[in-house]
Protein backbone atom coordinates (compact mmCIF):
# COMPACT_ATOMS: atom_id res chain seq x y z
CA MET A 1 -32.46 3.60 14.39
CA LYS A 2 -32.09 0.59 12.13
CA ALA A 3 -28.78 -0.26 10.47
CA THR A 4 -27.85 -3.03 8.07
CA ILE A 5 -24.23 -4.08 7.73
CA TRP A 6 -22.97 -6.20 4.84
CA HIS A 7 -20.37 -7.99 6.90
CA ASN A 8 -17.47 -10.41 6.54
CA PRO A 9 -16.61 -11.85 9.98
CA LYS A 10 -13.05 -12.58 8.80
CA CYS A 11 -12.39 -8.87 8.14
CA GLY A 12 -11.01 -6.79 11.01
CA THR A 13 -12.49 -3.52 9.72
CA SER A 14 -15.86 -5.18 9.31
CA ARG A 15 -15.71 -6.59 12.87
CA LYS A 16 -14.73 -3.17 14.27
CA THR A 17 -17.58 -1.47 12.39
CA LEU A 18 -20.05 -4.05 13.70
CA ALA A 19 -18.74 -3.50 17.25
CA ILE A 20 -19.40 0.25 16.91
CA LEU A 21 -22.97 -0.47 15.81
CA GLU A 22 -23.60 -3.06 18.53
CA ASN A 23 -22.23 -0.80 21.28
CA LEU A 24 -24.73 1.96 20.51
CA SER A 25 -28.01 1.23 22.29
CA LYS A 26 -29.95 3.38 19.83
CA VAL A 27 -29.06 1.12 16.87
CA ASP A 28 -31.00 -2.01 15.88
CA VAL A 29 -28.47 -3.90 13.74
CA THR A 30 -29.18 -6.41 10.99
CA VAL A 31 -26.08 -8.36 9.96
CA VAL A 32 -25.89 -9.76 6.45
CA GLU A 33 -22.92 -12.00 5.73
CA TYR A 34 -22.66 -10.90 2.12
CA LEU A 35 -20.40 -13.79 1.05
CA LYS A 36 -23.25 -16.17 1.93
CA ASP A 37 -26.13 -13.85 1.05
CA PRO A 38 -24.93 -11.26 -1.49
CA PRO A 39 -27.01 -8.20 -2.30
CA THR A 40 -28.78 -8.05 -5.64
CA LYS A 41 -27.37 -5.95 -8.42
CA ASP A 42 -30.08 -3.32 -7.86
CA LYS A 43 -29.43 -3.21 -4.11
CA LEU A 44 -25.69 -2.89 -4.61
CA ALA A 45 -26.17 -0.09 -7.14
CA GLN A 46 -28.49 1.69 -4.70
CA LEU A 47 -26.00 1.32 -1.82
CA TYR A 48 -23.19 2.83 -3.89
CA ARG A 49 -25.44 5.62 -5.15
CA ASP A 50 -26.53 6.41 -1.56
CA ALA A 51 -22.90 6.31 -0.41
CA GLY A 52 -21.91 8.73 -3.18
CA ILE A 53 -19.39 6.35 -4.73
CA SER A 54 -19.14 4.42 -7.97
CA PRO A 55 -19.13 0.63 -8.19
CA ALA A 56 -15.43 0.87 -9.15
CA GLN A 57 -14.77 2.65 -5.83
CA GLY A 58 -16.55 -0.19 -4.04
CA LEU A 59 -14.51 -2.87 -5.81
CA ARG A 60 -12.26 -4.96 -3.60
CA MET A 61 -8.83 -5.20 -5.18
CA ARG A 62 -6.80 -6.78 -2.40
CA GLY A 63 -6.93 -10.56 -2.41
CA THR A 64 -9.04 -10.74 -5.58
CA ASP A 65 -8.47 -11.13 -9.30
CA ALA A 66 -10.30 -7.87 -10.08
CA ALA A 67 -7.29 -6.29 -11.79
CA GLU A 68 -6.58 -9.37 -13.90
CA ARG A 69 -10.21 -9.35 -15.01
CA GLY A 70 -9.96 -5.70 -16.05
CA LEU A 71 -12.69 -4.67 -13.63
CA PRO A 72 -11.17 -1.38 -12.43
CA ASP A 73 -11.62 0.00 -15.95
CA ALA A 74 -14.96 -1.70 -16.67
CA ASP A 75 -18.35 0.01 -16.80
CA ASP A 76 -20.67 0.01 -13.78
CA ASP A 77 -22.91 -2.79 -15.06
CA THR A 78 -19.96 -5.10 -15.66
CA ILE A 79 -18.54 -4.40 -12.21
CA LEU A 80 -21.91 -4.91 -10.50
CA ASP A 81 -22.51 -8.16 -12.42
CA ALA A 82 -19.08 -9.42 -11.35
CA MET A 83 -19.74 -8.48 -7.70
CA VAL A 84 -23.07 -10.30 -7.63
CA ALA A 85 -21.55 -13.39 -9.25
CA ASP A 86 -18.44 -13.31 -7.02
CA PRO A 87 -19.21 -11.31 -3.83
CA ILE A 88 -15.58 -11.43 -2.65
CA LEU A 89 -15.20 -8.50 -5.08
CA ILE A 90 -17.39 -6.31 -2.83
CA GLU A 91 -15.28 -4.11 -0.55
CA ARG A 92 -16.53 -4.24 3.01
CA PRO A 93 -18.19 -3.31 5.18
CA LEU A 94 -21.13 -1.51 3.66
CA VAL A 95 -23.58 -0.03 6.16
CA GLU A 96 -27.01 1.42 5.44
CA THR A 97 -29.26 3.45 7.74
CA ASP A 98 -32.16 5.80 7.08
CA LYS A 99 -29.53 8.56 6.88
CA GLY A 100 -27.68 6.94 3.97
CA ALA A 101 -25.05 4.35 3.19
CA ARG A 102 -21.29 4.23 3.60
CA LEU A 103 -18.39 2.02 2.72
CA CYS A 104 -16.92 2.04 6.22
CA ARG A 105 -13.22 2.11 5.59
CA PRO A 106 -12.06 3.28 8.07
CA GLN A 107 -14.67 1.95 10.48
CA ASP A 108 -15.36 5.36 12.06
CA THR A 109 -16.99 6.38 8.76
CA VAL A 110 -20.11 4.63 10.05
CA LEU A 111 -20.64 7.50 12.52
CA GLU A 112 -21.54 9.77 9.56
CA ILE A 113 -24.85 7.93 9.09
CA LEU A 114 -25.85 7.37 12.71
């Protein structure tokens, strides 16, 4: 099985999720450091759709200026545009497999799509 993780190596939850993926021999993992290589707006929208959440639910509030910018109450397009322009606004980690996508908070959520 192939899995792609949008990863921040400074995030403990992201590191724990990656460790789960790497410790399973059946998983071929692609790691994307999303702060350096952010997903496109279309890809991000697709990930949230596949995860069954809205862009607002995937918005990182902690350590960002999302609230000051009014993003929690903004429409999906505005949130996605802000995330693409400033990827620190993307809550992590996002993982995608052929079984779907998940925002893996907590990290064990990744097991739902393996």
